[in-house]
C-alpha atoms as a PDB file:
ATOM      1  CA  MET A   1       0.271 -39.865 -14.096  1.00  0.00           C
ATOM      2  CA  GLY A   2      -0.016 -36.474 -15.821  1.00  0.00           C
ATOM      3  CA  GLY A   3      -2.879 -35.503 -13.474  1.00  0.00           C
ATOM      4  CA  GLY A   4      -0.689 -36.008 -10.405  1.00  0.00           C
ATOM      5  CA  THR A   5       1.965 -33.745 -11.841  1.00  0.00           C
ATOM      6  CA  SER A   6      -0.563 -30.973 -12.494  1.00  0.00           C
ATOM      7  CA  LYS A   7      -1.888 -31.205  -8.953  1.00  0.00           C
ATOM      8  CA  ASN A   8       1.608 -30.922  -7.462  1.00  0.00           C
ATOM      9  CA  THR A   9       2.400 -27.970  -9.716  1.00  0.00           C
ATOM     10  CA  ALA A  10      -0.755 -26.151  -8.621  1.00  0.00           C
ATOM     11  CA  GLU A  11       0.097 -26.704  -4.954  1.00  0.00           C
ATOM     12  CA  SER A  12       3.638 -25.425  -5.522  1.00  0.00           C
ATOM     13  CA  VAL A  13       2.402 -22.271  -7.255  1.00  0.00           C
ATOM     14  CA  GLU A  14      -0.044 -21.623  -4.431  1.00  0.00           C
ATOM     15  CA  ALA A  15       2.735 -21.937  -1.843  1.00  0.00           C
ATOM     16  CA  LYS A  16       4.900 -19.444  -3.758  1.00  0.00           C
ATOM     17  CA  ASN A  17       2.191 -16.775  -3.488  1.00  0.00           C
ATOM     18  CA  VAL A  18       2.588 -16.512   0.296  1.00  0.00           C
ATOM     19  CA  VAL A  19       3.899 -13.058   1.231  1.00  0.00           C
ATOM     20  CA  GLU A  20       6.214 -12.978   4.220  1.00  0.00           C
ATOM     21  CA  SER A  21       7.175  -9.310   4.019  1.00  0.00           C
ATOM     22  CA  PHE A  22       6.692  -6.292   1.801  1.00  0.00           C
ATOM     23  CA  LYS A  23       7.385  -2.584   1.661  1.00  0.00           C
ATOM     24  CA  ILE A  24       5.391   0.446   0.615  1.00  0.00           C
ATOM     25  CA  VAL A  25       7.139   3.441  -0.924  1.00  0.00           C
ATOM     26  CA  LEU A  26       5.353   6.802  -0.593  1.00  0.00           C
ATOM     27  CA  ARG A  27       6.897   9.148  -3.175  1.00  0.00           C
ATOM     28  CA  ARG A  28       4.895  12.283  -3.987  1.00  0.00           C
ATOM     29  CA  CYS A  29       1.571  13.812  -5.006  1.00  0.00           C
ATOM     30  CA  THR A  30       1.029  16.521  -7.614  1.00  0.00           C
ATOM     31  CA  GLY A  31      -1.740  18.966  -8.392  1.00  0.00           C
ATOM     32  CA  LEU A  32      -3.750  18.520  -5.200  1.00  0.00           C
ATOM     33  CA  ALA A  33      -6.863  20.637  -4.600  1.00  0.00           C
ATOM     34  CA  LYS A  34      -6.581  23.865  -2.592  1.00  0.00           C
ATOM     35  CA  THR A  35      -8.274  23.326   0.783  1.00  0.00           C
ATOM     36  CA  ASP A  36      -6.837  25.951   3.151  1.00  0.00           C
ATOM     37  CA  SER A  37      -7.634  29.677   3.185  1.00  0.00           C
ATOM     38  CA  ASN A  38      -4.045  30.383   2.024  1.00  0.00           C
ATOM     39  CA  GLY A  39      -4.660  28.467  -1.229  1.00  0.00           C
ATOM     40  CA  LEU A  40      -2.515  25.509  -0.181  1.00  0.00           C
ATOM     41  CA  THR A  41      -3.081  22.388   1.898  1.00  0.00           C
ATOM     42  CA  ASP A  42      -1.447  20.313   4.652  1.00  0.00           C
ATOM     43  CA  CYS A  43      -1.029  16.875   3.064  1.00  0.00           C
ATOM     44  CA  TYR A  44      -0.621  13.351   4.395  1.00  0.00           C
ATOM     45  CA  ILE A  45      -1.347   9.828   3.186  1.00  0.00           C
ATOM     46  CA  VAL A  46      -3.398   7.244   5.073  1.00  0.00           C
ATOM     47  CA  GLY A  47      -3.524   3.656   3.842  1.00  0.00           C
ATOM     48  CA  ARG A  48      -5.428   0.527   4.782  1.00  0.00           C
ATOM     49  CA  PHE A  49      -4.634  -3.100   4.030  1.00  0.00           C
ATOM     50  CA  TYR A  50      -7.162  -5.365   2.298  1.00  0.00           C
ATOM     51  CA  ASP A  51      -7.322  -9.136   2.785  1.00  0.00           C
ATOM     52  CA  GLN A  52      -8.401 -10.582  -0.568  1.00  0.00           C
ATOM     53  CA  LYS A  53      -9.162 -14.031   0.843  1.00  0.00           C
ATOM     54  CA  LYS A  54     -11.456 -12.665   3.576  1.00  0.00           C
ATOM     55  CA  GLU A  55     -12.702  -9.844   1.320  1.00  0.00           C
ATOM     56  CA  LYS A  56     -12.421  -7.185   4.012  1.00  0.00           C
ATOM     57  CA  PHE A  57     -10.143  -4.395   5.198  1.00  0.00           C
ATOM     58  CA  LEU A  58      -7.785  -5.104   8.092  1.00  0.00           C
ATOM     59  CA  LYS A  59      -7.567  -2.894  11.170  1.00  0.00           C
ATOM     60  CA  GLN A  60      -3.894  -2.121  10.528  1.00  0.00           C
ATOM     61  CA  THR A  61      -3.273   1.214   8.781  1.00  0.00           C
ATOM     62  CA  PHE A  62      -0.299   3.420   8.000  1.00  0.00           C
ATOM     63  CA  LYS A  63       0.070   7.213   7.869  1.00  0.00           C
ATOM     64  CA  SER A  64       2.759   9.392   6.337  1.00  0.00           C
ATOM     65  CA  SER A  65       4.242  12.508   7.860  1.00  0.00           C
ATOM     66  CA  VAL A  66       2.373  15.804   7.260  1.00  0.00           C
ATOM     67  CA  LYS A  67       3.705  18.109   4.533  1.00  0.00           C
ATOM     68  CA  GLU A  68       2.472  21.600   5.301  1.00  0.00           C
ATOM     69  CA  LYS A  69       1.382  24.353   2.898  1.00  0.00           C
ATOM     70  CA  THR A  70       1.907  22.608  -0.444  1.00  0.00           C
ATOM     71  CA  LEU A  71      -0.075  21.254  -3.384  1.00  0.00           C
ATOM     72  CA  ASP A  72       2.818  19.065  -4.580  1.00  0.00           C
ATOM     73  CA  PRO A  73       4.169  17.256  -1.491  1.00  0.00           C
ATOM     74  CA  GLU A  74       7.315  15.099  -1.609  1.00  0.00           C
ATOM     75  CA  PHE A  75       7.112  12.276   0.937  1.00  0.00           C
ATOM     76  CA  ASN A  76       9.928   9.850   0.015  1.00  0.00           C
ATOM     77  CA  GLU A  77       9.012   7.522   2.885  1.00  0.00           C
ATOM     78  CA  VAL A  78       9.309   3.744   3.075  1.00  0.00           C
ATOM     79  CA  ARG A  79       7.224   1.446   5.284  1.00  0.00           C
ATOM     80  CA  SER A  80       8.359  -2.170   5.745  1.00  0.00           C
ATOM     81  CA  TYR A  81       6.112  -4.932   7.059  1.00  0.00           C
ATOM     82  CA  PHE A  82       7.200  -8.417   8.134  1.00  0.00           C
END
């Protein structure tokens, strides 16, 4: 009888780990390397999603806006996925 309870608990926990939606918050970067001739850089963030079950990256990506001529960009952007 105890074994059946453990099995049901494991199935319930597994079902709770399903993600229906999430958000990514892009805040800021600090101390980036100088890459432009003016000693600054034009910064942006590119991200890729990874499927742990399939052990591979997905085709879907996201990109932030470009912050020009800075080594400490403030993005403060939110991406929501459903």
